[in-house]
Amino acid sequence: MGVLKSVSFDTPIILVGNLSTGGTGKSPMVSYIAKRYAATRSTVILSRGYMRRSRGFVLAKESSSSPEVIGDEPAMFYRSLQPASVAVCEDRVEGV
């Protein structure tokens, strides 16, 4: 219908989300998917980084993986889901 802008990417993307906030099982599902695929495929977790103090795109690494920089949930993913990469960006299209 042309009401909403659509964007396509050349890489496979699995989106985990819904219209509810908190307590719906999104984080455990992301952990499951990352553990399932990260050993055999290049896997990146992209989050908006809720409550972080930084802006724009940030790729988590040792120097930028604190909850203040990337948010508490992405920091948890970064510490526990290696070899998956973790990035944050408030704009999902820019983040991808």
PDB file of N, CA and C in Angstrom:
ATOM      1  N   MET A   1       0.812  -1.200   0.000  1.00  0.00           N
ATOM      2  CA  MET A   1       0.000   0.000   0.000  1.00  0.00           C
ATOM      3  C   MET A   1       0.851   1.258   0.000  1.00  0.00           C
ATOM      4  N   GLY A   2       2.158   1.110   0.262  1.00  0.00           N
ATOM      5  CA  GLY A   2       3.037   2.264   0.213  1.00  0.00           C
ATOM      6  C   GLY A   2       2.963   3.177   1.424  1.00  0.00           C
ATOM      7  N   VAL A   3       2.328   2.740   2.506  1.00  0.00           N
ATOM      8  CA  VAL A   3       2.186   3.583   3.686  1.00  0.00           C
ATOM      9  C   VAL A   3       3.471   3.596   4.504  1.00  0.00           C
ATOM     10  N   LEU A   4       4.054   2.425   4.690  1.00  0.00           N
ATOM     11  CA  LEU A   4       5.283   2.304   5.465  1.00  0.00           C
ATOM     12  C   LEU A   4       6.465   2.027   4.548  1.00  0.00           C
ATOM     13  N   LYS A   5       7.594   2.618   4.846  1.00  0.00           N
ATOM     14  CA  LYS A   5       8.806   2.419   4.071  1.00  0.00           C
ATOM     15  C   LYS A   5       9.344   1.013   4.342  1.00  0.00           C
ATOM     16  N   SER A   6       9.746   0.313   3.302  1.00  0.00           N
ATOM     17  CA  SER A   6      10.293  -1.031   3.422  1.00  0.00           C
ATOM     18  C   SER A   6      11.746  -1.019   2.987  1.00  0.00           C
ATOM     19  N   VAL A   7      12.586  -1.743   3.720  1.00  0.00           N
ATOM     20  CA  VAL A   7      14.009  -1.817   3.408  1.00  0.00           C
ATOM     21  C   VAL A   7      14.398  -3.280   3.336  1.00  0.00           C
ATOM     22  N   SER A   8      15.194  -3.644   2.343  1.00  0.00           N
ATOM     23  CA  SER A   8      15.671  -5.018   2.192  1.00  0.00           C
ATOM     24  C   SER A   8      17.179  -5.048   2.357  1.00  0.00           C
ATOM     25  N   PHE A   9      17.678  -6.191   2.829  1.00  0.00           N
ATOM     26  CA  PHE A   9      19.111  -6.393   3.003  1.00  0.00           C
ATOM     27  C   PHE A   9      19.507  -7.697   2.330  1.00  0.00           C
ATOM     28  N   ASP A  10      20.783  -7.803   1.948  1.00  0.00           N
ATOM     29  CA  ASP A  10      21.280  -9.006   1.292  1.00  0.00           C
ATOM     30  C   ASP A  10      21.647 -10.121   2.266  1.00  0.00           C
ATOM     31  N   THR A  11      21.581  -9.842   3.537  1.00  0.00           N
ATOM     32  CA  THR A  11      21.969 -10.821   4.545  1.00  0.00           C
ATOM     33  C   THR A  11      20.724 -11.304   5.302  1.00  0.00           C
ATOM     34  N   PRO A  12      20.696 -12.578   5.693  1.00  0.00           N
ATOM     35  CA  PRO A  12      19.536 -13.065   6.460  1.00  0.00           C
ATOM     36  C   PRO A  12      19.443 -12.369   7.816  1.00  0.00           C
ATOM     37  N   ILE A  13      18.241 -12.018   8.210  1.00  0.00           N
ATOM     38  CA  ILE A  13      18.003 -11.327   9.482  1.00  0.00           C
ATOM     39  C   ILE A  13      16.868 -12.030  10.212  1.00  0.00           C
ATOM     40  N   ILE A  14      17.075 -12.288  11.501  1.00  0.00           N
ATOM     41  CA  ILE A  14      16.016 -12.810  12.359  1.00  0.00           C
ATOM     42  C   ILE A  14      15.663 -11.698  13.330  1.00  0.00           C
ATOM     43  N   LEU A  15      14.432 -11.267  13.319  1.00  0.00           N
ATOM     44  CA  LEU A  15      13.972 -10.198  14.201  1.00  0.00           C
ATOM     45  C   LEU A  15      13.215 -10.813  15.364  1.00  0.00           C
ATOM     46  N   VAL A  16      13.612 -10.451  16.574  1.00  0.00           N
ATOM     47  CA  VAL A  16      12.915 -10.913  17.777  1.00  0.00           C
ATOM     48  C   VAL A  16      12.329  -9.681  18.446  1.00  0.00           C
ATOM     49  N   GLY A  17      11.026  -9.590  18.476  1.00  0.00           N
ATOM     50  CA  GLY A  17      10.390  -8.441  19.093  1.00  0.00           C
ATOM     51  C   GLY A  17       8.888  -8.554  19.008  1.00  0.00           C
ATOM     52  N   ASN A  18       8.222  -7.667  19.686  1.00  0.00           N
ATOM     53  CA  ASN A  18       6.763  -7.623  19.656  1.00  0.00           C
ATOM     54  C   ASN A  18       6.303  -6.248  20.115  1.00  0.00           C
ATOM     55  N   LEU A  19       5.031  -6.078  20.294  1.00  0.00           N
ATOM     56  CA  LEU A  19       4.504  -4.781  20.684  1.00  0.00           C
ATOM     57  C   LEU A  19       4.478  -4.577  22.193  1.00  0.00           C
ATOM     58  N   SER A  20       4.759  -5.626  22.952  1.00  0.00           N
ATOM     59  CA  SER A  20       4.794  -5.516  24.413  1.00  0.00           C
ATOM     60  C   SER A  20       6.211  -5.197  24.865  1.00  0.00           C
ATOM     61  N   THR A  21       6.327  -4.621  26.037  1.00  0.00           N
ATOM     62  CA  THR A  21       7.652  -4.353  26.587  1.00  0.00           C
ATOM     63  C   THR A  21       7.847  -5.169  27.847  1.00  0.00           C
ATOM     64  N   GLY A  22       9.030  -5.709  28.007  1.00  0.00           N
ATOM     65  CA  GLY A  22       9.415  -6.393  29.235  1.00  0.00           C
ATOM     66  C   GLY A  22       8.637  -7.648  29.552  1.00  0.00           C
ATOM     67  N   GLY A  23       9.368  -8.683  29.901  1.00  0.00           N
ATOM     68  CA  GLY A  23       8.766  -9.897  30.413  1.00  0.00           C
ATOM     69  C   GLY A  23       8.099 -10.806  29.413  1.00  0.00           C
ATOM     70  N   THR A  24       8.390 -10.624  28.130  1.00  0.00           N
ATOM     71  CA  THR A  24       7.751 -11.470  27.123  1.00  0.00           C
ATOM     72  C   THR A  24       8.685 -12.528  26.554  1.00  0.00           C
ATOM     73  N   GLY A  25       9.909 -12.625  27.067  1.00  0.00           N
ATOM     74  CA  GLY A  25      10.825 -13.682  26.651  1.00  0.00           C
ATOM     75  C   GLY A  25      11.700 -13.364  25.458  1.00  0.00           C
ATOM     76  N   LYS A  26      11.846 -12.084  25.115  1.00  0.00           N
ATOM     77  CA  LYS A  26      12.676 -11.725  23.964  1.00  0.00           C
ATOM     78  C   LYS A  26      14.153 -12.035  24.212  1.00  0.00           C
ATOM     79  N   SER A  27      14.680 -11.670  25.371  1.00  0.00           N
ATOM     80  CA  SER A  27      16.107 -11.896  25.658  1.00  0.00           C
ATOM     81  C   SER A  27      16.472 -13.370  25.682  1.00  0.00           C
ATOM     82  N   PRO A  28      15.699 -14.233  26.348  1.00  0.00           N
ATOM     83  CA  PRO A  28      16.027 -15.663  26.286  1.00  0.00           C
ATOM     84  C   PRO A  28      15.966 -16.210  24.860  1.00  0.00           C
ATOM     85  N   MET A  29      15.051 -15.704  24.046  1.00  0.00           N
ATOM     86  CA  MET A  29      14.966 -16.156  22.658  1.00  0.00           C
ATOM     87  C   MET A  29      16.194 -15.714  21.866  1.00  0.00           C
ATOM     88  N   VAL A  30      16.651 -14.485  22.074  1.00  0.00           N
ATOM     89  CA  VAL A  30      17.871 -14.003  21.405  1.00  0.00           C
ATOM     90  C   VAL A  30      19.061 -14.868  21.821  1.00  0.00           C
ATOM     91  N   SER A  31      19.163 -15.179  23.104  1.00  0.00           N
ATOM     92  CA  SER A  31      20.255 -16.042  23.596  1.00  0.00           C
ATOM     93  C   SER A  31      20.204 -17.405  22.932  1.00  0.00           C
ATOM     94  N   TYR A  32      19.028 -17.988  22.852  1.00  0.00           N
ATOM     95  CA  TYR A  32      18.875 -19.296  22.227  1.00  0.00           C
ATOM     96  C   TYR A  32      19.311 -19.267  20.758  1.00  0.00           C
ATOM     97  N   ILE A  33      18.818 -18.285  20.025  1.00  0.00           N
ATOM     98  CA  ILE A  33      19.147 -18.182  18.600  1.00  0.00           C
ATOM     99  C   ILE A  33      20.647 -17.974  18.413  1.00  0.00           C
ATOM    100  N   ALA A  34      21.238 -17.081  19.190  1.00  0.00           N
ATOM    101  CA  ALA A  34      22.679 -16.808  19.067  1.00  0.00           C
ATOM    102  C   ALA A  34      23.498 -18.048  19.384  1.00  0.00           C
ATOM    103  N   LYS A  35      23.153 -18.766  20.439  1.00  0.00           N
ATOM    104  CA  LYS A  35      23.892 -19.988  20.787  1.00  0.00           C
ATOM    105  C   LYS A  35      23.732 -21.047  19.705  1.00  0.00           C
ATOM    106  N   ARG A  36      22.575 -21.112  19.112  1.00  0.00           N
ATOM    107  CA  ARG A  36      22.291 -22.107  18.073  1.00  0.00           C
ATOM    108  C   ARG A  36      23.084 -21.845  16.798  1.00  0.00           C
ATOM    109  N   TYR A  37      23.245 -20.586  16.422  1.00  0.00           N
ATOM    110  CA  TYR A  37      23.840 -20.258  15.133  1.00  0.00           C
ATOM    111  C   TYR A  37      25.266 -19.711  15.187  1.00  0.00           C
ATOM    112  N   ALA A  38      25.690 -19.125  16.288  1.00  0.00           N
ATOM    113  CA  ALA A  38      26.983 -18.441  16.329  1.00  0.00           C
ATOM    114  C   ALA A  38      28.167 -19.372  16.091  1.00  0.00           C
ATOM    115  N   ALA A  39      28.052 -20.637  16.429  1.00  0.00           N
ATOM    116  CA  ALA A  39      29.171 -21.564  16.239  1.00  0.00           C
ATOM    117  C   ALA A  39      29.415 -21.886  14.766  1.00  0.00           C
ATOM    118  N   THR A  40      28.389 -21.773  13.932  1.00  0.00           N
ATOM    119  CA  THR A  40      28.523 -22.159  12.525  1.00  0.00           C
ATOM    120  C   THR A  40      28.336 -21.013  11.543  1.00  0.00           C
ATOM    121  N   ARG A  41      27.855 -19.872  12.009  1.00  0.00           N
ATOM    122  CA  ARG A  41      27.590 -18.734  11.120  1.00  0.00           C
ATOM    123  C   ARG A  41      28.032 -17.440  11.778  1.00  0.00           C
ATOM    124  N   SER A  42      28.380 -16.483  10.979  1.00  0.00           N
ATOM    125  CA  SER A  42      28.696 -15.158  11.503  1.00  0.00           C
ATOM    126  C   SER A  42      27.399 -14.555  12.044  1.00  0.00           C
ATOM    127  N   THR A  43      27.385 -14.265  13.347  1.00  0.00           N
ATOM    128  CA  THR A  43      26.164 -13.826  14.007  1.00  0.00           C
ATOM    129  C   THR A  43      26.393 -12.491  14.711  1.00  0.00           C
ATOM    130  N   VAL A  44      25.467 -11.570  14.498  1.00  0.00           N
ATOM    131  CA  VAL A  44      25.530 -10.266  15.156  1.00  0.00           C
ATOM    132  C   VAL A  44      24.190  -9.995  15.819  1.00  0.00           C
ATOM    133  N   ILE A  45      24.238  -9.583  17.066  1.00  0.00           N
ATOM    134  CA  ILE A  45      23.032  -9.174  17.783  1.00  0.00           C
ATOM    135  C   ILE A  45      22.988  -7.651  17.726  1.00  0.00           C
ATOM    136  N   LEU A  46      21.909  -7.116  17.192  1.00  0.00           N
ATOM    137  CA  LEU A  46      21.735  -5.669  17.098  1.00  0.00           C
ATOM    138  C   LEU A  46      20.610  -5.251  18.038  1.00  0.00           C
ATOM    139  N   SER A  47      20.893  -4.319  18.910  1.00  0.00           N
ATOM    140  CA  SER A  47      19.926  -3.820  19.877  1.00  0.00           C
ATOM    141  C   SER A  47      19.883  -2.298  19.805  1.00  0.00           C
ATOM    142  N   ARG A  48      18.811  -1.734  20.291  1.00  0.00           N
ATOM    143  CA  ARG A  48      18.764  -0.278  20.393  1.00  0.00           C
ATOM    144  C   ARG A  48      19.601   0.220  21.563  1.00  0.00           C
ATOM    145  N   GLY A  49      19.896  -0.659  22.519  1.00  0.00           N
ATOM    146  CA  GLY A  49      20.721  -0.260  23.663  1.00  0.00           C
ATOM    147  C   GLY A  49      19.974   0.601  24.639  1.00  0.00           C
ATOM    148  N   TYR A  50      18.822   0.154  25.053  1.00  0.00           N
ATOM    149  CA  TYR A  50      17.968   0.918  25.969  1.00  0.00           C
ATOM    150  C   TYR A  50      18.736   1.374  27.203  1.00  0.00           C
ATOM    151  N   MET A  51      18.580   2.636  27.557  1.00  0.00           N
ATOM    152  CA  MET A  51      19.184   3.277  28.736  1.00  0.00           C
ATOM    153  C   MET A  51      20.705   3.472  28.637  1.00  0.00           C
ATOM    154  N   ARG A  52      21.275   3.359  27.471  1.00  0.00           N
ATOM    155  CA  ARG A  52      22.709   3.623  27.334  1.00  0.00           C
ATOM    156  C   ARG A  52      22.958   5.123  27.278  1.00  0.00           C
ATOM    157  N   ARG A  53      24.178   5.516  27.550  1.00  0.00           N
ATOM    158  CA  ARG A  53      24.520   6.946  27.538  1.00  0.00           C
ATOM    159  C   ARG A  53      25.144   7.392  26.219  1.00  0.00           C
ATOM    160  N   SER A  54      25.465   6.458  25.345  1.00  0.00           N
ATOM    161  CA  SER A  54      26.059   6.807  24.050  1.00  0.00           C
ATOM    162  C   SER A  54      24.960   6.990  23.010  1.00  0.00           C
ATOM    163  N   ARG A  55      25.361   7.481  21.841  1.00  0.00           N
ATOM    164  CA  ARG A  55      24.434   7.669  20.724  1.00  0.00           C
ATOM    165  C   ARG A  55      25.051   7.073  19.478  1.00  0.00           C
ATOM    166  N   GLY A  56      24.206   6.769  18.496  1.00  0.00           N
ATOM    167  CA  GLY A  56      24.679   6.249  17.223  1.00  0.00           C
ATOM    168  C   GLY A  56      25.076   4.790  17.294  1.00  0.00           C
ATOM    169  N   PHE A  57      25.799   4.354  16.283  1.00  0.00           N
ATOM    170  CA  PHE A  57      26.216   2.958  16.176  1.00  0.00           C
ATOM    171  C   PHE A  57      27.445   2.701  17.038  1.00  0.00           C
ATOM    172  N   VAL A  58      27.399   1.637  17.845  1.00  0.00           N
ATOM    173  CA  VAL A  58      28.552   1.209  18.645  1.00  0.00           C
ATOM    174  C   VAL A  58      28.674  -0.301  18.525  1.00  0.00           C
ATOM    175  N   LEU A  59      29.826  -0.771  18.091  1.00  0.00           N
ATOM    176  CA  LEU A  59      30.126  -2.195  18.061  1.00  0.00           C
ATOM    177  C   LEU A  59      30.826  -2.542  19.366  1.00  0.00           C
ATOM    178  N   ALA A  60      30.276  -3.484  20.109  1.00  0.00           N
ATOM    179  CA  ALA A  60      30.851  -3.847  21.410  1.00  0.00           C
ATOM    180  C   ALA A  60      32.214  -4.497  21.232  1.00  0.00           C
ATOM    181  N   LYS A  61      33.153  -4.064  22.037  1.00  0.00           N
ATOM    182  CA  LYS A  61      34.480  -4.662  22.134  1.00  0.00           C
ATOM    183  C   LYS A  61      34.957  -4.390  23.547  1.00  0.00           C
ATOM    184  N   GLU A  62      36.105  -4.876  23.912  1.00  0.00           N
ATOM    185  CA  GLU A  62      36.567  -4.741  25.295  1.00  0.00           C
ATOM    186  C   GLU A  62      36.493  -3.304  25.799  1.00  0.00           C
ATOM    187  N   SER A  63      36.828  -2.348  24.958  1.00  0.00           N
ATOM    188  CA  SER A  63      36.845  -0.952  25.399  1.00  0.00           C
ATOM    189  C   SER A  63      35.469  -0.282  25.362  1.00  0.00           C
ATOM    190  N   SER A  64      34.490  -0.932  24.754  1.00  0.00           N
ATOM    191  CA  SER A  64      33.163  -0.299  24.642  1.00  0.00           C
ATOM    192  C   SER A  64      32.047  -1.294  24.923  1.00  0.00           C
ATOM    193  N   SER A  65      32.196  -2.084  25.983  1.00  0.00           N
ATOM    194  CA  SER A  65      31.163  -3.078  26.267  1.00  0.00           C
ATOM    195  C   SER A  65      30.498  -2.883  27.620  1.00  0.00           C
ATOM    196  N   SER A  66      30.675  -1.719  28.233  1.00  0.00           N
ATOM    197  CA  SER A  66      30.060  -1.481  29.530  1.00  0.00           C
ATOM    198  C   SER A  66      28.573  -1.156  29.337  1.00  0.00           C
ATOM    199  N   PRO A  67      27.758  -1.418  30.349  1.00  0.00           N
ATOM    200  CA  PRO A  67      26.335  -1.075  30.249  1.00  0.00           C
ATOM    201  C   PRO A  67      26.090   0.401  29.978  1.00  0.00           C
ATOM    202  N   GLU A  68      26.987   1.274  30.437  1.00  0.00           N
ATOM    203  CA  GLU A  68      26.814   2.707  30.184  1.00  0.00           C
ATOM    204  C   GLU A  68      26.959   3.036  28.704  1.00  0.00           C
ATOM    205  N   VAL A  69      27.822   2.301  28.016  1.00  0.00           N
ATOM    206  CA  VAL A  69      28.095   2.582  26.608  1.00  0.00           C
ATOM    207  C   VAL A  69      27.100   1.874  25.690  1.00  0.00           C
ATOM    208  N   ILE A  70      26.792   0.607  25.964  1.00  0.00           N
ATOM    209  CA  ILE A  70      25.936  -0.147  25.042  1.00  0.00           C
ATOM    210  C   ILE A  70      24.595  -0.571  25.639  1.00  0.00           C
ATOM    211  N   GLY A  71      24.392  -0.356  26.932  1.00  0.00           N
ATOM    212  CA  GLY A  71      23.154  -0.788  27.575  1.00  0.00           C
ATOM    213  C   GLY A  71      23.373  -2.085  28.337  1.00  0.00           C
ATOM    214  N   ASP A  72      22.545  -2.328  29.334  1.00  0.00           N
ATOM    215  CA  ASP A  72      22.778  -3.493  30.189  1.00  0.00           C
ATOM    216  C   ASP A  72      22.541  -4.821  29.482  1.00  0.00           C
ATOM    217  N   GLU A  73      21.478  -4.932  28.711  1.00  0.00           N
ATOM    218  CA  GLU A  73      21.202  -6.191  28.024  1.00  0.00           C
ATOM    219  C   GLU A  73      22.234  -6.513  26.939  1.00  0.00           C
ATOM    220  N   PRO A  74      22.594  -5.571  26.063  1.00  0.00           N
ATOM    221  CA  PRO A  74      23.650  -5.859  25.102  1.00  0.00           C
ATOM    222  C   PRO A  74      24.983  -6.202  25.782  1.00  0.00           C
ATOM    223  N   ALA A  75      25.287  -5.568  26.924  1.00  0.00           N
ATOM    224  CA  ALA A  75      26.518  -5.898  27.653  1.00  0.00           C
ATOM    225  C   ALA A  75      26.477  -7.344  28.134  1.00  0.00           C
ATOM    226  N   MET A  76      25.319  -7.782  28.606  1.00  0.00           N
ATOM    227  CA  MET A  76      25.156  -9.172  29.026  1.00  0.00           C
ATOM    228  C   MET A  76      25.339 -10.110  27.828  1.00  0.00           C
ATOM    229  N   PHE A  77      24.729  -9.776  26.695  1.00  0.00           N
ATOM    230  CA  PHE A  77      24.896 -10.600  25.494  1.00  0.00           C
ATOM    231  C   PHE A  77      26.367 -10.657  25.078  1.00  0.00           C
ATOM    232  N   TYR A  78      27.051  -9.518  25.131  1.00  0.00           N
ATOM    233  CA  TYR A  78      28.461  -9.467  24.735  1.00  0.00           C
ATOM    234  C   TYR A  78      29.315 -10.394  25.607  1.00  0.00           C
ATOM    235  N   ARG A  79      29.081 -10.385  26.907  1.00  0.00           N
ATOM    236  CA  ARG A  79      29.862 -11.215  27.824  1.00  0.00           C
ATOM    237  C   ARG A  79      29.530 -12.698  27.711  1.00  0.00           C
ATOM    238  N   SER A  80      28.289 -13.041  27.377  1.00  0.00           N
ATOM    239  CA  SER A  80      27.880 -14.444  27.464  1.00  0.00           C
ATOM    240  C   SER A  80      27.685 -15.163  26.141  1.00  0.00           C
ATOM    241  N   LEU A  81      27.661 -14.449  25.029  1.00  0.00           N
ATOM    242  CA  LEU A  81      27.311 -15.106  23.764  1.00  0.00           C
ATOM    243  C   LEU A  81      28.418 -15.062  22.719  1.00  0.00           C
ATOM    244  N   GLN A  82      29.675 -15.070  23.142  1.00  0.00           N
ATOM    245  CA  GLN A  82      30.776 -15.144  22.182  1.00  0.00           C
ATOM    246  C   GLN A  82      30.679 -16.487  21.458  1.00  0.00           C
ATOM    247  N   PRO A  83      30.944 -16.580  20.179  1.00  0.00           N
ATOM    248  CA  PRO A  83      31.607 -15.615  19.311  1.00  0.00           C
ATOM    249  C   PRO A  83      30.669 -14.639  18.599  1.00  0.00           C
ATOM    250  N   ALA A  84      29.406 -14.587  18.968  1.00  0.00           N
ATOM    251  CA  ALA A  84      28.504 -13.617  18.345  1.00  0.00           C
ATOM    252  C   ALA A  84      28.977 -12.196  18.649  1.00  0.00           C
ATOM    253  N   SER A  85      28.850 -11.331  17.672  1.00  0.00           N
ATOM    254  CA  SER A  85      29.163  -9.917  17.876  1.00  0.00           C
ATOM    255  C   SER A  85      27.917  -9.211  18.382  1.00  0.00           C
ATOM    256  N   VAL A  86      28.102  -8.091  19.064  1.00  0.00           N
ATOM    257  CA  VAL A  86      26.982  -7.316  19.593  1.00  0.00           C
ATOM    258  C   VAL A  86      27.179  -5.862  19.173  1.00  0.00           C
ATOM    259  N   ALA A  87      26.119  -5.263  18.654  1.00  0.00           N
ATOM    260  CA  ALA A  87      26.166  -3.852  18.264  1.00  0.00           C
ATOM    261  C   ALA A  87      24.877  -3.184  18.728  1.00  0.00           C
ATOM    262  N   VAL A  88      24.951  -1.884  18.933  1.00  0.00           N
ATOM    263  CA  VAL A  88      23.768  -1.105  19.282  1.00  0.00           C
ATOM    264  C   VAL A  88      23.636   0.089  18.351  1.00  0.00           C
ATOM    265  N   CYS A  89      22.410   0.433  18.061  1.00  0.00           N
ATOM    266  CA  CYS A  89      22.129   1.617  17.261  1.00  0.00           C
ATOM    267  C   CYS A  89      20.631   1.889  17.386  1.00  0.00           C
ATOM    268  N   GLU A  90      20.264   3.125  17.671  1.00  0.00           N
ATOM    269  CA  GLU A  90      18.845   3.435  17.819  1.00  0.00           C
ATOM    270  C   GLU A  90      18.100   3.344  16.501  1.00  0.00           C
ATOM    271  N   ASP A  91      18.811   3.457  15.382  1.00  0.00           N
ATOM    272  CA  ASP A  91      18.223   3.322  14.047  1.00  0.00           C
ATOM    273  C   ASP A  91      18.575   1.939  13.506  1.00  0.00           C
ATOM    274  N   ARG A  92      17.608   1.048  13.430  1.00  0.00           N
ATOM    275  CA  ARG A  92      17.874  -0.337  13.030  1.00  0.00           C
ATOM    276  C   ARG A  92      18.462  -0.437  11.627  1.00  0.00           C
ATOM    277  N   VAL A  93      17.948   0.351  10.684  1.00  0.00           N
ATOM    278  CA  VAL A  93      18.464   0.296   9.326  1.00  0.00           C
ATOM    279  C   VAL A  93      19.925   0.719   9.300  1.00  0.00           C
ATOM    280  N   GLU A  94      20.256   1.804   9.965  1.00  0.00           N
ATOM    281  CA  GLU A  94      21.652   2.248  10.051  1.00  0.00           C
ATOM    282  C   GLU A  94      22.497   1.175  10.744  1.00  0.00           C
ATOM    283  N   GLY A  95      21.983   0.547  11.768  1.00  0.00           N
ATOM    284  CA  GLY A  95      22.708  -0.485  12.504  1.00  0.00           C
ATOM    285  C   GLY A  95      23.043  -1.688  11.649  1.00  0.00           C
ATOM    286  N   VAL A  96      22.103  -2.113  10.825  1.00  0.00           N
ATOM    287  CA  VAL A  96      22.354  -3.255   9.946  1.00  0.00           C
ATOM    288  C   VAL A  96      23.425  -2.899   8.932  1.00  0.00           C
TER     289      VAL A  96
END
